[in-house]
């Protein structure tokens, strides 16, 4: 079972950027839980975090596959990423954009991390067994 960080915990950023590429080619289930954990912010700023994909780790899609809603505060936010219909995806990475407005310094500052966890098959089977038939 894969567990990795698309952005290492407590990474401090003052500019937009990209996290490392994570190789997911050998995984079977390809359903992941992403957990964005923001641990420090300053007032009047925003953080946008998106997930980009690549077949080979070299060429990245121009548009994100998924994105968290825009964030302004310290919090922990989950996002389910289902790649079962996309066997062509071999790598994923996070991209973030920061913005600051208002008075004081215009340099944004966020401290956050983004954890990637493969959802185990047993949990997926149990969840599908609990879904009522229509």
Protein backbone atom coordinates (compact mmCIF):
# COMPACT_ATOMS: atom_id res chain seq x y z
CA UNK A 1 0.00 0.00 0.00
CA UNK A 2 1.40 3.37 -1.02
CA UNK A 3 1.65 6.26 1.40
CA UNK A 4 3.68 9.28 0.31
CA UNK A 5 3.76 13.05 0.51
CA UNK A 6 3.00 15.10 -2.58
CA UNK A 7 4.11 18.04 -0.44
CA UNK A 8 6.17 17.17 2.67
CA UNK A 9 4.56 18.05 6.01
CA UNK A 10 5.06 21.61 7.23
CA UNK A 11 6.51 22.85 3.95
CA UNK A 12 6.67 26.66 4.08
CA UNK A 13 5.97 28.37 0.76
CA UNK A 14 6.00 32.03 -0.25
CA UNK A 15 5.49 31.47 -3.98
CA UNK A 16 3.64 29.14 -6.33
CA UNK A 17 5.33 25.82 -7.10
CA UNK A 18 5.24 22.09 -7.76
CA UNK A 19 5.79 19.09 -5.53
CA UNK A 20 7.82 16.02 -6.50
CA UNK A 21 6.51 13.48 -9.02
CA UNK A 22 5.16 10.31 -7.39
CA UNK A 23 5.31 7.05 -9.39
CA UNK A 24 1.98 5.18 -9.21
CA UNK A 25 2.45 2.83 -12.20
CA UNK A 26 2.58 -0.41 -10.16
CA UNK A 27 -0.52 0.17 -8.06
CA UNK A 28 -3.62 -1.95 -8.55
CA UNK A 29 -6.61 -0.16 -6.98
CA UNK A 30 -5.58 3.33 -7.97
CA UNK A 31 -8.01 5.01 -5.60
CA UNK A 32 -6.30 7.44 -3.26
CA UNK A 33 -7.14 9.61 -0.32
CA UNK A 34 -5.41 12.99 -0.42
CA UNK A 35 -5.20 14.91 2.84
CA UNK A 36 -4.25 18.59 2.69
CA UNK A 37 -3.11 19.84 6.10
CA UNK A 38 -2.53 23.59 6.45
CA UNK A 39 -0.67 24.35 9.68
CA UNK A 40 0.24 28.05 9.35
CA UNK A 41 -1.08 31.07 7.44
CA UNK A 42 -1.02 34.84 7.57
CA UNK A 43 -4.16 36.94 7.10
CA UNK A 44 -5.51 37.99 3.72
CA UNK A 45 -4.06 35.25 1.54
CA UNK A 46 -5.24 32.22 -0.41
CA UNK A 47 -3.85 28.81 -1.34
CA UNK A 48 -4.94 26.78 -4.38
CA UNK A 49 -3.75 23.16 -4.58
CA UNK A 50 -4.27 21.04 -7.71
CA UNK A 51 -3.26 17.54 -8.79
CA UNK A 52 -1.55 17.07 -12.15
CA UNK A 53 -0.89 13.81 -13.97
CA UNK A 54 1.63 12.41 -16.41
CA UNK A 55 2.03 9.12 -18.29
CA UNK A 56 5.84 9.16 -17.97
CA UNK A 57 6.90 11.77 -15.40
CA UNK A 58 8.20 14.05 -18.17
CA UNK A 59 5.12 15.36 -20.00
CA UNK A 60 2.48 16.78 -17.63
CA UNK A 61 -1.15 17.46 -18.50
CA UNK A 62 -1.95 21.14 -19.04
CA UNK A 63 -5.05 20.99 -16.83
CA UNK A 64 -5.35 19.53 -13.35
CA UNK A 65 -7.18 16.25 -12.81
CA UNK A 66 -8.46 17.39 -9.41
CA UNK A 67 -8.29 20.42 -7.13
CA UNK A 68 -9.07 21.33 -3.56
CA UNK A 69 -11.39 24.27 -3.00
CA UNK A 70 -9.46 27.51 -2.41
CA UNK A 71 -8.14 27.71 1.16
CA UNK A 72 -7.66 30.69 3.48
CA UNK A 73 -7.23 29.17 6.97
CA UNK A 74 -5.49 26.40 8.89
CA UNK A 75 -7.41 23.19 8.39
CA UNK A 76 -7.28 19.57 7.29
CA UNK A 77 -9.18 18.72 4.09
CA UNK A 78 -9.66 15.31 2.41
CA UNK A 79 -10.09 14.63 -1.30
CA UNK A 80 -10.77 11.22 -2.89
CA UNK A 81 -8.88 10.65 -6.14
CA UNK A 82 -10.22 7.77 -8.25
CA UNK A 83 -7.88 6.82 -11.09
CA UNK A 84 -9.41 3.41 -11.91
CA UNK A 85 -10.70 4.71 -15.27
CA UNK A 86 -7.29 6.23 -16.13
CA UNK A 87 -4.70 3.41 -16.47
CA UNK A 88 -2.60 5.78 -18.63
CA UNK A 89 -1.61 7.83 -15.58
CA UNK A 90 1.82 6.83 -14.29
CA UNK A 91 2.78 9.82 -12.15
CA UNK A 92 1.02 12.48 -10.11
CA UNK A 93 2.20 15.65 -8.42
CA UNK A 94 0.78 18.64 -6.60
CA UNK A 95 0.90 22.19 -7.86
CA UNK A 96 0.08 25.13 -5.62
CA UNK A 97 -0.58 28.80 -6.18
CA UNK A 98 -0.49 31.41 -3.43
CA UNK A 99 -1.89 34.92 -3.40
CA UNK A 100 -1.83 37.74 -0.85
CA UNK A 101 -3.69 41.06 -0.74
CA UNK A 102 -4.41 43.89 1.66
CA UNK A 103 -2.01 45.82 3.85
CA UNK A 104 1.46 44.91 5.06
CA UNK A 105 3.88 42.76 3.13
CA UNK A 106 2.52 41.30 -0.08
CA UNK A 107 4.61 38.14 0.32
CA UNK A 108 2.26 35.21 1.02
CA UNK A 109 3.26 32.48 3.47
CA UNK A 110 1.61 29.11 3.94
CA UNK A 111 2.88 26.08 5.81
CA UNK A 112 1.20 22.89 4.64
CA UNK A 113 1.60 19.29 3.58
CA UNK A 114 -0.26 16.97 1.24
CA UNK A 115 -0.39 13.26 2.03
CA UNK A 116 -1.29 10.60 -0.53
CA UNK A 117 -2.63 7.25 0.71
CA UNK A 118 -3.79 4.35 -1.41
CA UNK A 119 -7.22 3.19 -0.28
CA UNK A 120 -6.92 -0.54 0.55
CA UNK A 121 -9.03 -2.99 -1.49
CA UNK A 122 -10.66 -4.34 1.69
CA UNK A 123 -12.08 -0.92 2.51
CA UNK A 124 -13.32 -0.45 -1.04
CA UNK A 125 -15.02 -3.88 -0.98
CA UNK A 126 -16.62 -3.18 2.39
CA UNK A 127 -17.87 0.21 1.22
CA UNK A 128 -19.32 -1.23 -2.00
CA UNK A 129 -21.11 -3.94 0.00
CA UNK A 130 -22.78 -1.27 2.12
CA UNK A 131 -24.16 0.70 -0.81
CA UNK A 132 -27.89 -0.06 -1.09
CA UNK A 133 -29.14 -1.41 -4.42
CA UNK A 134 -31.55 0.83 -6.35
